Amino acid sequence: MFAGVKMKIGDEEYIVPAISLGQLRAGVTAQLQEHDALVAAGKTWAAVDIRGQIIYAALRRNYPDLDEAKLLDFLDLSNNGPIWLQVLGVSGFEPGENQAATATETGISNPSTKA
């Protein structure tokens, strides 16, 4: 089990670990960049889908048998942002202090791409 942040998602508690370097190399970096571009373009709904994919990738490190459909059923508009910020934070992609007030709103991985 990789270290991470304990979070209740749906009806279960999970330890949300950092995104691995292998995952970043295997496509998560491109997903993060696409997410940030979508947020900057105001395409929030498309960005939320990518968030789900990245959250799933992070959780699979500790829960390789996690069913993606089950996770996506647990994710909703009330918990997507906070879980996303935990994945970013534990992975070292924390928004700067000046961005903290809007981090839940945008949740971008690179504050310099914020429109």
PDB file of N, CA and C in Angstrom:
ATOM      1  N   MET A   1       0.860  -1.176   0.000  1.00  0.00           N
ATOM      2  CA  MET A   1       0.000   0.000   0.000  1.00  0.00           C
ATOM      3  C   MET A   1       0.904   1.237   0.000  1.00  0.00           C
ATOM      4  N   PHE A   2       0.671   2.130  -0.946  1.00  0.00           N
ATOM      5  CA  PHE A   2       1.433   3.374  -1.024  1.00  0.00           C
ATOM      6  C   PHE A   2       0.835   4.399  -0.060  1.00  0.00           C
ATOM      7  N   ALA A   3       1.687   5.217   0.517  1.00  0.00           N
ATOM      8  CA  ALA A   3       1.231   6.270   1.424  1.00  0.00           C
ATOM      9  C   ALA A   3       0.359   7.253   0.654  1.00  0.00           C
ATOM     10  N   GLY A   4      -0.556   7.881   1.365  1.00  0.00           N
ATOM     11  CA  GLY A   4      -1.429   8.852   0.734  1.00  0.00           C
ATOM     12  C   GLY A   4      -2.354   9.477   1.753  1.00  0.00           C
ATOM     13  N   VAL A   5      -3.454   9.993   1.270  1.00  0.00           N
ATOM     14  CA  VAL A   5      -4.434  10.689   2.090  1.00  0.00           C
ATOM     15  C   VAL A   5      -5.675   9.808   2.203  1.00  0.00           C
ATOM     16  N   LYS A   6      -6.145   9.584   3.436  1.00  0.00           N
ATOM     17  CA  LYS A   6      -7.376   8.811   3.629  1.00  0.00           C
ATOM     18  C   LYS A   6      -8.564   9.672   3.253  1.00  0.00           C
ATOM     19  N   MET A   7      -9.445   9.091   2.435  1.00  0.00           N
ATOM     20  CA  MET A   7     -10.658   9.800   2.019  1.00  0.00           C
ATOM     21  C   MET A   7     -11.795   8.817   1.904  1.00  0.00           C
ATOM     22  N   LYS A   8     -12.971   9.272   2.277  1.00  0.00           N
ATOM     23  CA  LYS A   8     -14.171   8.472   2.064  1.00  0.00           C
ATOM     24  C   LYS A   8     -14.717   8.843   0.690  1.00  0.00           C
ATOM     25  N   ILE A   9     -14.849   7.831  -0.153  1.00  0.00           N
ATOM     26  CA  ILE A   9     -15.390   8.019  -1.493  1.00  0.00           C
ATOM     27  C   ILE A   9     -16.561   7.054  -1.608  1.00  0.00           C
ATOM     28  N   GLY A  10     -17.748   7.605  -1.770  1.00  0.00           N
ATOM     29  CA  GLY A  10     -18.933   6.758  -1.768  1.00  0.00           C
ATOM     30  C   GLY A  10     -19.127   6.191  -0.376  1.00  0.00           C
ATOM     31  N   ASP A  11     -19.218   4.883  -0.298  1.00  0.00           N
ATOM     32  CA  ASP A  11     -19.427   4.251   1.005  1.00  0.00           C
ATOM     33  C   ASP A  11     -18.178   3.555   1.530  1.00  0.00           C
ATOM     34  N   GLU A  12     -17.013   3.834   0.937  1.00  0.00           N
ATOM     35  CA  GLU A  12     -15.773   3.183   1.347  1.00  0.00           C
ATOM     36  C   GLU A  12     -14.677   4.211   1.614  1.00  0.00           C
ATOM     37  N   GLU A  13     -13.731   3.819   2.465  1.00  0.00           N
ATOM     38  CA  GLU A  13     -12.579   4.670   2.734  1.00  0.00           C
ATOM     39  C   GLU A  13     -11.405   4.167   1.914  1.00  0.00           C
ATOM     40  N   TYR A  14     -10.713   5.095   1.267  1.00  0.00           N
ATOM     41  CA  TYR A  14      -9.568   4.776   0.431  1.00  0.00           C
ATOM     42  C   TYR A  14      -8.366   5.583   0.885  1.00  0.00           C
ATOM     43  N   ILE A  15      -7.181   5.062   0.605  1.00  0.00           N
ATOM     44  CA  ILE A  15      -5.956   5.837   0.759  1.00  0.00           C
ATOM     45  C   ILE A  15      -5.576   6.286  -0.640  1.00  0.00           C
ATOM     46  N   VAL A  16      -5.660   7.595  -0.879  1.00  0.00           N
ATOM     47  CA  VAL A  16      -5.385   8.166  -2.192  1.00  0.00           C
ATOM     48  C   VAL A  16      -3.884   8.455  -2.283  1.00  0.00           C
ATOM     49  N   PRO A  17      -3.153   7.688  -3.109  1.00  0.00           N
ATOM     50  CA  PRO A  17      -1.712   7.886  -3.216  1.00  0.00           C
ATOM     51  C   PRO A  17      -1.347   8.899  -4.295  1.00  0.00           C
ATOM     52  N   ALA A  18      -0.078   9.227  -4.350  1.00  0.00           N
ATOM     53  CA  ALA A  18       0.430  10.104  -5.400  1.00  0.00           C
ATOM     54  C   ALA A  18       0.387   9.391  -6.743  1.00  0.00           C
ATOM     55  N   ILE A  19       0.341  10.163  -7.796  1.00  0.00           N
ATOM     56  CA  ILE A  19       0.495   9.630  -9.143  1.00  0.00           C
ATOM     57  C   ILE A  19       1.971   9.251  -9.288  1.00  0.00           C
ATOM     58  N   SER A  20       2.244   8.071  -9.832  1.00  0.00           N
ATOM     59  CA  SER A  20       3.628   7.618  -9.951  1.00  0.00           C
ATOM     60  C   SER A  20       4.323   8.227 -11.167  1.00  0.00           C
ATOM     61  N   LEU A  21       5.643   8.196 -11.149  1.00  0.00           N
ATOM     62  CA  LEU A  21       6.398   8.665 -12.303  1.00  0.00           C
ATOM     63  C   LEU A  21       6.087   7.811 -13.530  1.00  0.00           C
ATOM     64  N   GLY A  22       5.885   6.523 -13.316  1.00  0.00           N
ATOM     65  CA  GLY A  22       5.518   5.639 -14.413  1.00  0.00           C
ATOM     66  C   GLY A  22       4.188   6.043 -15.032  1.00  0.00           C
ATOM     67  N   GLN A  23       3.229   6.401 -14.192  1.00  0.00           N
ATOM     68  CA  GLN A  23       1.930   6.848 -14.699  1.00  0.00           C
ATOM     69  C   GLN A  23       2.068   8.168 -15.448  1.00  0.00           C
ATOM     70  N   LEU A  24       2.890   9.069 -14.925  1.00  0.00           N
ATOM     71  CA  LEU A  24       3.115  10.341 -15.612  1.00  0.00           C
ATOM     72  C   LEU A  24       3.713  10.088 -16.991  1.00  0.00           C
ATOM     73  N   ARG A  25       4.679   9.203 -17.049  1.00  0.00           N
ATOM     74  CA  ARG A  25       5.333   8.878 -18.317  1.00  0.00           C
ATOM     75  C   ARG A  25       4.373   8.174 -19.275  1.00  0.00           C
ATOM     76  N   ALA A  26       3.465   7.379 -18.732  1.00  0.00           N
ATOM     77  CA  ALA A  26       2.551   6.570 -19.555  1.00  0.00           C
ATOM     78  C   ALA A  26       1.308   7.336 -20.021  1.00  0.00           C
ATOM     79  N   GLY A  27       1.233   8.620 -19.780  1.00  0.00           N
ATOM     80  CA  GLY A  27       0.121   9.383 -20.331  1.00  0.00           C
ATOM     81  C   GLY A  27      -0.580  10.329 -19.385  1.00  0.00           C
ATOM     82  N   VAL A  28      -0.341  10.213 -18.078  1.00  0.00           N
ATOM     83  CA  VAL A  28      -1.034  11.100 -17.147  1.00  0.00           C
ATOM     84  C   VAL A  28      -0.560  12.548 -17.316  1.00  0.00           C
ATOM     85  N   THR A  29       0.715  12.747 -17.686  1.00  0.00           N
ATOM     86  CA  THR A  29       1.195  14.114 -17.923  1.00  0.00           C
ATOM     87  C   THR A  29       0.378  14.769 -19.037  1.00  0.00           C
ATOM     88  N   ALA A  30       0.146  14.037 -20.112  1.00  0.00           N
ATOM     89  CA  ALA A  30      -0.655  14.570 -21.224  1.00  0.00           C
ATOM     90  C   ALA A  30      -2.082  14.843 -20.769  1.00  0.00           C
ATOM     91  N   GLN A  31      -2.627  13.979 -19.919  1.00  0.00           N
ATOM     92  CA  GLN A  31      -3.984  14.199 -19.414  1.00  0.00           C
ATOM     93  C   GLN A  31      -4.039  15.455 -18.542  1.00  0.00           C
ATOM     94  N   LEU A  32      -3.022  15.671 -17.712  1.00  0.00           N
ATOM     95  CA  LEU A  32      -2.972  16.866 -16.882  1.00  0.00           C
ATOM     96  C   LEU A  32      -2.921  18.128 -17.758  1.00  0.00           C
ATOM     97  N   GLN A  33      -2.104  18.076 -18.799  1.00  0.00           N
ATOM     98  CA  GLN A  33      -1.999  19.224 -19.698  1.00  0.00           C
ATOM     99  C   GLN A  33      -3.323  19.469 -20.421  1.00  0.00           C
ATOM    100  N   GLU A  34      -3.970  18.393 -20.865  1.00  0.00           N
ATOM    101  CA  GLU A  34      -5.265  18.536 -21.530  1.00  0.00           C
ATOM    102  C   GLU A  34      -6.302  19.102 -20.565  1.00  0.00           C
ATOM    103  N   HIS A  35      -6.295  18.596 -19.323  1.00  0.00           N
ATOM    104  CA  HIS A  35      -7.214  19.108 -18.298  1.00  0.00           C
ATOM    105  C   HIS A  35      -7.047  20.608 -18.125  1.00  0.00           C
ATOM    106  N   ASP A  36      -5.798  21.040 -17.965  1.00  0.00           N
ATOM    107  CA  ASP A  36      -5.535  22.454 -17.721  1.00  0.00           C
ATOM    108  C   ASP A  36      -5.949  23.316 -18.916  1.00  0.00           C
ATOM    109  N   ALA A  37      -5.737  22.813 -20.124  1.00  0.00           N
ATOM    110  CA  ALA A  37      -6.141  23.553 -21.320  1.00  0.00           C
ATOM    111  C   ALA A  37      -7.665  23.662 -21.391  1.00  0.00           C
ATOM    112  N   LEU A  38      -8.361  22.593 -21.037  1.00  0.00           N
ATOM    113  CA  LEU A  38      -9.825  22.625 -21.041  1.00  0.00           C
ATOM    114  C   LEU A  38     -10.357  23.606 -20.001  1.00  0.00           C
ATOM    115  N   VAL A  39      -9.751  23.612 -18.810  1.00  0.00           N
ATOM    116  CA  VAL A  39     -10.170  24.553 -17.769  1.00  0.00           C
ATOM    117  C   VAL A  39      -9.932  25.986 -18.240  1.00  0.00           C
ATOM    118  N   ALA A  40      -8.760  26.220 -18.831  1.00  0.00           N
ATOM    119  CA  ALA A  40      -8.432  27.567 -19.308  1.00  0.00           C
ATOM    120  C   ALA A  40      -9.392  28.018 -20.403  1.00  0.00           C
ATOM    121  N   ALA A  41      -9.903  27.058 -21.184  1.00  0.00           N
ATOM    122  CA  ALA A  41     -10.843  27.370 -22.263  1.00  0.00           C
ATOM    123  C   ALA A  41     -12.287  27.424 -21.781  1.00  0.00           C
ATOM    124  N   GLY A  42     -12.498  27.192 -20.481  1.00  0.00           N
ATOM    125  CA  GLY A  42     -13.844  27.239 -19.928  1.00  0.00           C
ATOM    126  C   GLY A  42     -14.662  25.978 -20.180  1.00  0.00           C
ATOM    127  N   LYS A  43     -14.000  24.888 -20.543  1.00  0.00           N
ATOM    128  CA  LYS A  43     -14.699  23.622 -20.835  1.00  0.00           C
ATOM    129  C   LYS A  43     -14.661  22.721 -19.599  1.00  0.00           C
ATOM    130  N   THR A  44     -15.339  23.161 -18.577  1.00  0.00           N
ATOM    131  CA  THR A  44     -15.304  22.500 -17.276  1.00  0.00           C
ATOM    132  C   THR A  44     -15.797  21.063 -17.331  1.00  0.00           C
ATOM    133  N   TRP A  45     -16.869  20.799 -18.051  1.00  0.00           N
ATOM    134  CA  TRP A  45     -17.435  19.445 -18.062  1.00  0.00           C
ATOM    135  C   TRP A  45     -16.468  18.448 -18.680  1.00  0.00           C
ATOM    136  N   ALA A  46     -15.776  18.832 -19.743  1.00  0.00           N
ATOM    137  CA  ALA A  46     -14.791  17.937 -20.350  1.00  0.00           C
ATOM    138  C   ALA A  46     -13.620  17.708 -19.394  1.00  0.00           C
ATOM    139  N   ALA A  47     -13.246  18.743 -18.646  1.00  0.00           N
ATOM    140  CA  ALA A  47     -12.154  18.612 -17.679  1.00  0.00           C
ATOM    141  C   ALA A  47     -12.524  17.662 -16.548  1.00  0.00           C
ATOM    142  N   VAL A  48     -13.784  17.666 -16.132  1.00  0.00           N
ATOM    143  CA  VAL A  48     -14.229  16.787 -15.042  1.00  0.00           C
ATOM    144  C   VAL A  48     -14.058  15.317 -15.436  1.00  0.00           C
ATOM    145  N   ASP A  49     -14.304  14.984 -16.698  1.00  0.00           N
ATOM    146  CA  ASP A  49     -14.119  13.608 -17.157  1.00  0.00           C
ATOM    147  C   ASP A  49     -12.659  13.189 -17.032  1.00  0.00           C
ATOM    148  N   ILE A  50     -11.743  14.071 -17.409  1.00  0.00           N
ATOM    149  CA  ILE A  50     -10.309  13.763 -17.286  1.00  0.00           C
ATOM    150  C   ILE A  50      -9.923  13.629 -15.826  1.00  0.00           C
ATOM    151  N   ARG A  51     -10.503  14.451 -14.967  1.00  0.00           N
ATOM    152  CA  ARG A  51     -10.232  14.313 -13.528  1.00  0.00           C
ATOM    153  C   ARG A  51     -10.565  12.904 -13.060  1.00  0.00           C
ATOM    154  N   GLY A  52     -11.722  12.395 -13.489  1.00  0.00           N
ATOM    155  CA  GLY A  52     -12.121  11.045 -13.102  1.00  0.00           C
ATOM    156  C   GLY A  52     -11.105  10.009 -13.539  1.00  0.00           C
ATOM    157  N   GLN A  53     -10.572  10.151 -14.749  1.00  0.00           N
ATOM    158  CA  GLN A  53      -9.572   9.214 -15.256  1.00  0.00           C
ATOM    159  C   GLN A  53      -8.286   9.262 -14.428  1.00  0.00           C
ATOM    160  N   ILE A  54      -7.872  10.466 -14.056  1.00  0.00           N
ATOM    161  CA  ILE A  54      -6.635  10.622 -13.286  1.00  0.00           C
ATOM    162  C   ILE A  54      -6.827  10.151 -11.843  1.00  0.00           C
ATOM    163  N   ILE A  55      -7.968  10.447 -11.250  1.00  0.00           N
ATOM    164  CA  ILE A  55      -8.273   9.951  -9.904  1.00  0.00           C
ATOM    165  C   ILE A  55      -8.251   8.429  -9.912  1.00  0.00           C
ATOM    166  N   TYR A  56      -8.855   7.832 -10.930  1.00  0.00           N
ATOM    167  CA  TYR A  56      -8.870   6.372 -11.061  1.00  0.00           C
ATOM    168  C   TYR A  56      -7.443   5.829 -11.181  1.00  0.00           C
ATOM    169  N   ALA A  57      -6.607   6.470 -11.995  1.00  0.00           N
ATOM    170  CA  ALA A  57      -5.215   6.025 -12.150  1.00  0.00           C
ATOM    171  C   ALA A  57      -4.475   6.052 -10.815  1.00  0.00           C
ATOM    172  N   ALA A  58      -4.652   7.134 -10.056  1.00  0.00           N
ATOM    173  CA  ALA A  58      -3.980   7.233  -8.758  1.00  0.00           C
ATOM    174  C   ALA A  58      -4.453   6.133  -7.811  1.00  0.00           C
ATOM    175  N   LEU A  59      -5.765   5.952  -7.719  1.00  0.00           N
ATOM    176  CA  LEU A  59      -6.314   4.950  -6.797  1.00  0.00           C
ATOM    177  C   LEU A  59      -5.909   3.522  -7.168  1.00  0.00           C
ATOM    178  N   ARG A  60      -5.719   3.257  -8.447  1.00  0.00           N
ATOM    179  CA  ARG A  60      -5.344   1.901  -8.866  1.00  0.00           C
ATOM    180  C   ARG A  60      -3.986   1.488  -8.331  1.00  0.00           C
ATOM    181  N   ARG A  61      -3.150   2.435  -7.937  1.00  0.00           N
ATOM    182  CA  ARG A  61      -1.862   2.076  -7.339  1.00  0.00           C
ATOM    183  C   ARG A  61      -2.090   1.278  -6.059  1.00  0.00           C
ATOM    184  N   ASN A  62      -3.069   1.676  -5.271  1.00  0.00           N
ATOM    185  CA  ASN A  62      -3.363   0.962  -4.023  1.00  0.00           C
ATOM    186  C   ASN A  62      -4.481  -0.057  -4.168  1.00  0.00           C
ATOM    187  N   TYR A  63      -5.291   0.108  -5.176  1.00  0.00           N
ATOM    188  CA  TYR A  63      -6.459  -0.767  -5.351  1.00  0.00           C
ATOM    189  C   TYR A  63      -6.511  -1.245  -6.804  1.00  0.00           C
ATOM    190  N   PRO A  64      -5.604  -2.159  -7.174  1.00  0.00           N
ATOM    191  CA  PRO A  64      -5.524  -2.588  -8.574  1.00  0.00           C
ATOM    192  C   PRO A  64      -6.802  -3.233  -9.098  1.00  0.00           C
ATOM    193  N   ASP A  65      -7.643  -3.746  -8.224  1.00  0.00           N
ATOM    194  CA  ASP A  65      -8.891  -4.374  -8.649  1.00  0.00           C
ATOM    195  C   ASP A  65     -10.077  -3.417  -8.618  1.00  0.00           C
ATOM    196  N   LEU A  66      -9.824  -2.141  -8.353  1.00  0.00           N
ATOM    197  CA  LEU A  66     -10.899  -1.156  -8.284  1.00  0.00           C
ATOM    198  C   LEU A  66     -11.613  -1.085  -9.631  1.00  0.00           C
ATOM    199  N   ASP A  67     -12.920  -1.180  -9.578  1.00  0.00           N
ATOM    200  CA  ASP A  67     -13.739  -1.114 -10.779  1.00  0.00           C
ATOM    201  C   ASP A  67     -13.961   0.350 -11.154  1.00  0.00           C
ATOM    202  N   GLU A  68     -13.591   0.715 -12.376  1.00  0.00           N
ATOM    203  CA  GLU A  68     -13.702   2.108 -12.804  1.00  0.00           C
ATOM    204  C   GLU A  68     -15.150   2.591 -12.787  1.00  0.00           C
ATOM    205  N   ALA A  69     -16.068   1.750 -13.222  1.00  0.00           N
ATOM    206  CA  ALA A  69     -17.482   2.145 -13.229  1.00  0.00           C
ATOM    207  C   ALA A  69     -17.975   2.420 -11.810  1.00  0.00           C
ATOM    208  N   LYS A  70     -17.528   1.603 -10.847  1.00  0.00           N
ATOM    209  CA  LYS A  70     -17.924   1.814  -9.453  1.00  0.00           C
ATOM    210  C   LYS A  70     -17.390   3.161  -8.953  1.00  0.00           C
ATOM    211  N   LEU A  71     -16.113   3.429  -9.254  1.00  0.00           N
ATOM    212  CA  LEU A  71     -15.534   4.704  -8.828  1.00  0.00           C
ATOM    213  C   LEU A  71     -16.284   5.874  -9.450  1.00  0.00           C
ATOM    214  N   LEU A  72     -16.565   5.796 -10.739  1.00  0.00           N
ATOM    215  CA  LEU A  72     -17.252   6.895 -11.406  1.00  0.00           C
ATOM    216  C   LEU A  72     -18.661   7.087 -10.874  1.00  0.00           C
ATOM    217  N   ASP A  73     -19.288   6.009 -10.391  1.00  0.00           N
ATOM    218  CA  ASP A  73     -20.594   6.147  -9.741  1.00  0.00           C
ATOM    219  C   ASP A  73     -20.474   6.862  -8.403  1.00  0.00           C
ATOM    220  N   PHE A  74     -19.342   6.679  -7.718  1.00  0.00           N
ATOM    221  CA  PHE A  74     -19.112   7.345  -6.439  1.00  0.00           C
ATOM    222  C   PHE A  74     -18.766   8.820  -6.617  1.00  0.00           C
ATOM    223  N   LEU A  75     -18.092   9.165  -7.728  1.00  0.00           N
ATOM    224  CA  LEU A  75     -17.700  10.551  -7.953  1.00  0.00           C
ATOM    225  C   LEU A  75     -18.906  11.368  -8.399  1.00  0.00           C
ATOM    226  N   ASP A  76     -19.033  12.550  -7.824  1.00  0.00           N
ATOM    227  CA  ASP A  76     -20.107  13.455  -8.213  1.00  0.00           C
ATOM    228  C   ASP A  76     -19.592  14.885  -8.092  1.00  0.00           C
ATOM    229  N   LEU A  77     -20.438  15.835  -8.332  1.00  0.00           N
ATOM    230  CA  LEU A  77     -19.989  17.224  -8.318  1.00  0.00           C
ATOM    231  C   LEU A  77     -19.650  17.737  -6.923  1.00  0.00           C
ATOM    232  N   SER A  78     -20.127  17.050  -5.884  1.00  0.00           N
ATOM    233  CA  SER A  78     -19.800  17.506  -4.531  1.00  0.00           C
ATOM    234  C   SER A  78     -18.454  16.975  -4.043  1.00  0.00           C
ATOM    235  N   ASN A  79     -18.000  15.833  -4.562  1.00  0.00           N
ATOM    236  CA  ASN A  79     -16.741  15.287  -4.062  1.00  0.00           C
ATOM    237  C   ASN A  79     -15.620  15.282  -5.095  1.00  0.00           C
ATOM    238  N   ASN A  80     -15.934  15.513  -6.366  1.00  0.00           N
ATOM    239  CA  ASN A  80     -14.924  15.481  -7.421  1.00  0.00           C
ATOM    240  C   ASN A  80     -13.809  16.493  -7.170  1.00  0.00           C
ATOM    241  N   GLY A  81     -14.168  17.725  -6.862  1.00  0.00           N
ATOM    242  CA  GLY A  81     -13.170  18.766  -6.632  1.00  0.00           C
ATOM    243  C   GLY A  81     -12.251  18.468  -5.462  1.00  0.00           C
ATOM    244  N   PRO A  82     -12.807  18.144  -4.273  1.00  0.00           N
ATOM    245  CA  PRO A  82     -11.934  17.848  -3.134  1.00  0.00           C
ATOM    246  C   PRO A  82     -11.025  16.627  -3.364  1.00  0.00           C
ATOM    247  N   ILE A  83     -11.533  15.590  -4.005  1.00  0.00           N
ATOM    248  CA  ILE A  83     -10.705  14.408  -4.276  1.00  0.00           C
ATOM    249  C   ILE A  83      -9.621  14.772  -5.281  1.00  0.00           C
ATOM    250  N   TRP A  84      -9.990  15.525  -6.305  1.00  0.00           N
ATOM    251  CA  TRP A  84      -9.032  15.976  -7.311  1.00  0.00           C
ATOM    252  C   TRP A  84      -7.894  16.762  -6.655  1.00  0.00           C
ATOM    253  N   LEU A  85      -8.247  17.677  -5.765  1.00  0.00           N
ATOM    254  CA  LEU A  85      -7.220  18.471  -5.092  1.00  0.00           C
ATOM    255  C   LEU A  85      -6.317  17.604  -4.219  1.00  0.00           C
ATOM    256  N   GLN A  86      -6.868  16.542  -3.623  1.00  0.00           N
ATOM    257  CA  GLN A  86      -6.043  15.623  -2.837  1.00  0.00           C
ATOM    258  C   GLN A  86      -5.063  14.880  -3.737  1.00  0.00           C
ATOM    259  N   VAL A  87      -5.524  14.416  -4.899  1.00  0.00           N
ATOM    260  CA  VAL A  87      -4.632  13.730  -5.843  1.00  0.00           C
ATOM    261  C   VAL A  87      -3.520  14.674  -6.282  1.00  0.00           C
ATOM    262  N   LEU A  88      -3.880  15.908  -6.632  1.00  0.00           N
ATOM    263  CA  LEU A  88      -2.859  16.884  -7.027  1.00  0.00           C
ATOM    264  C   LEU A  88      -1.886  17.152  -5.889  1.00  0.00           C
ATOM    265  N   GLY A  89      -2.431  17.386  -4.703  1.00  0.00           N
ATOM    266  CA  GLY A  89      -1.583  17.740  -3.559  1.00  0.00           C
ATOM    267  C   GLY A  89      -0.631  16.635  -3.166  1.00  0.00           C
ATOM    268  N   VAL A  90      -1.136  15.416  -3.054  1.00  0.00           N
ATOM    269  CA  VAL A  90      -0.281  14.307  -2.648  1.00  0.00           C
ATOM    270  C   VAL A  90       0.756  14.003  -3.728  1.00  0.00           C
ATOM    271  N   SER A  91       0.477  14.393  -4.982  1.00  0.00           N
ATOM    272  CA  SER A  91       1.396  14.161  -6.096  1.00  0.00           C
ATOM    273  C   SER A  91       2.392  15.303  -6.286  1.00  0.00           C
ATOM    274  N   GLY A  92       2.235  16.384  -5.515  1.00  0.00           N
ATOM    275  CA  GLY A  92       3.164  17.507  -5.612  1.00  0.00           C
ATOM    276  C   GLY A  92       2.743  18.577  -6.600  1.00  0.00           C
ATOM    277  N   PHE A  93       1.492  18.550  -7.070  1.00  0.00           N
ATOM    278  CA  PHE A  93       0.992  19.544  -8.012  1.00  0.00           C
ATOM    279  C   PHE A  93       0.070  20.541  -7.324  1.00  0.00           C
ATOM    280  N   GLU A  94       0.435  21.011  -6.140  1.00  0.00           N
ATOM    281  CA  GLU A  94      -0.441  21.915  -5.401  1.00  0.00           C
ATOM    282  C   GLU A  94      -0.458  23.302  -6.030  1.00  0.00           C
ATOM    283  N   PRO A  95      -1.650  23.874  -6.170  1.00  0.00           N
ATOM    284  CA  PRO A  95      -1.715  25.272  -6.627  1.00  0.00           C
ATOM    285  C   PRO A  95      -1.042  26.184  -5.608  1.00  0.00           C
ATOM    286  N   GLY A  96      -0.516  27.290  -6.074  1.00  0.00           N
ATOM    287  CA  GLY A  96       0.136  28.238  -5.183  1.00  0.00           C
ATOM    288  C   GLY A  96      -0.841  28.854  -4.201  1.00  0.00           C
ATOM    289  N   GLU A  97      -0.307  29.504  -3.172  1.00  0.00           N
ATOM    290  CA  GLU A  97      -1.161  30.099  -2.139  1.00  0.00           C
ATOM    291  C   GLU A  97      -2.124  31.128  -2.725  1.00  0.00           C
ATOM    292  N   ASN A  98      -1.696  31.878  -3.713  1.00  0.00           N
ATOM    293  CA  ASN A  98      -2.574  32.877  -4.312  1.00  0.00           C
ATOM    294  C   ASN A  98      -3.727  32.235  -5.059  1.00  0.00           C
ATOM    295  N   GLN A  99      -3.585  30.982  -5.442  1.00  0.00           N
ATOM    296  CA  GLN A  99      -4.627  30.284  -6.176  1.00  0.00           C
ATOM    297  C   GLN A  99      -5.570  29.524  -5.244  1.00  0.00           C
ATOM    298  N   ALA A 100      -5.237  29.456  -3.963  1.00  0.00           N
ATOM    299  CA  ALA A 100      -5.979  28.591  -3.053  1.00  0.00           C
ATOM    300  C   ALA A 100      -7.473  28.918  -2.983  1.00  0.00           C
ATOM    301  N   ALA A 101      -7.826  30.176  -3.071  1.00  0.00           N
ATOM    302  CA  ALA A 101      -9.236  30.555  -2.960  1.00  0.00           C
ATOM    303  C   ALA A 101     -10.060  30.007  -4.118  1.00  0.00           C
ATOM    304  N   THR A 102      -9.452  29.834  -5.289  1.00  0.00           N
ATOM    305  CA  THR A 102     -10.180  29.336  -6.446  1.00  0.00           C
ATOM    306  C   THR A 102      -9.757  27.926  -6.821  1.00  0.00           C
ATOM    307  N   ALA A 103      -8.930  27.285  -6.014  1.00  0.00           N
ATOM    308  CA  ALA A 103      -8.436  25.956  -6.361  1.00  0.00           C
ATOM    309  C   ALA A 103      -9.569  24.954  -6.524  1.00  0.00           C
ATOM    310  N   THR A 104     -10.577  25.019  -5.676  1.00  0.00           N
ATOM    311  CA  THR A 104     -11.696  24.095  -5.789  1.00  0.00           C
ATOM    312  C   THR A 104     -12.441  24.334  -7.097  1.00  0.00           C
ATOM    313  N   GLU A 105     -12.521  25.576  -7.486  1.00  0.00           N
ATOM    314  CA  GLU A 105     -13.221  25.925  -8.724  1.00  0.00           C
ATOM    315  C   GLU A 105     -12.472  25.410  -9.945  1.00  0.00           C
ATOM    316  N   THR A 106     -11.148  25.647 -10.008  1.00  0.00           N
ATOM    317  CA  THR A 106     -10.391  25.285 -11.197  1.00  0.00           C
ATOM    318  C   THR A 106      -9.648  23.985 -11.029  1.00  0.00           C
ATOM    319  N   GLY A 107      -8.955  23.810  -9.913  1.00  0.00           N
ATOM    320  CA  GLY A 107      -8.223  22.586  -9.654  1.00  0.00           C
ATOM    321  C   GLY A 107      -7.196  22.263 -10.716  1.00  0.00           C
ATOM    322  N   ILE A 108      -6.554  23.278 -11.279  1.00  0.00           N
ATOM    323  CA  ILE A 108      -5.572  23.027 -12.314  1.00  0.00           C
ATOM    324  C   ILE A 108      -4.285  22.497 -11.702  1.00  0.00           C
ATOM    325  N   SER A 109      -3.546  21.695 -12.463  1.00  0.00           N
ATOM    326  CA  SER A 109      -2.306  21.118 -11.946  1.00  0.00           C
ATOM    327  C   SER A 109      -1.146  22.090 -12.050  1.00  0.00           C
ATOM    328  N   ASN A 110      -1.261  23.081 -12.916  1.00  0.00           N
ATOM    329  CA  ASN A 110      -0.198  24.063 -13.077  1.00  0.00           C
ATOM    330  C   ASN A 110      -0.834  25.452 -12.998  1.00  0.00           C
ATOM    331  N   PRO A 111      -0.644  26.148 -11.892  1.00  0.00           N
ATOM    332  CA  PRO A 111      -1.313  27.446 -11.722  1.00  0.00           C
ATOM    333  C   PRO A 111      -0.967  28.442 -12.822  1.00  0.00           C
ATOM    334  N   SER A 112       0.180  28.284 -13.493  1.00  0.00           N
ATOM    335  CA  SER A 112       0.558  29.250 -14.529  1.00  0.00           C
ATOM    336  C   SER A 112      -0.311  29.145 -15.772  1.00  0.00           C
ATOM    337  N   THR A 113      -1.105  28.050 -15.903  1.00  0.00           N
ATOM    338  CA  THR A 113      -1.969  27.900 -17.070  1.00  0.00           C
ATOM    339  C   THR A 113      -3.362  28.447 -16.830  1.00  0.00           C
ATOM    340  N   LYS A 114      -3.618  28.967 -15.630  1.00  0.00           N
ATOM    341  CA  LYS A 114      -4.942  29.504 -15.318  1.00  0.00           C
ATOM    342  C   LYS A 114      -5.217  30.740 -16.166  1.00  0.00           C
ATOM    343  N   ALA A 115      -6.388  30.755 -16.776  1.00  0.00           N
ATOM    344  CA  ALA A 115      -6.771  31.890 -17.623  1.00  0.00           C
ATOM    345  C   ALA A 115      -7.127  33.091 -16.790  1.00  0.00           C
TER     346      ALA A 115
END
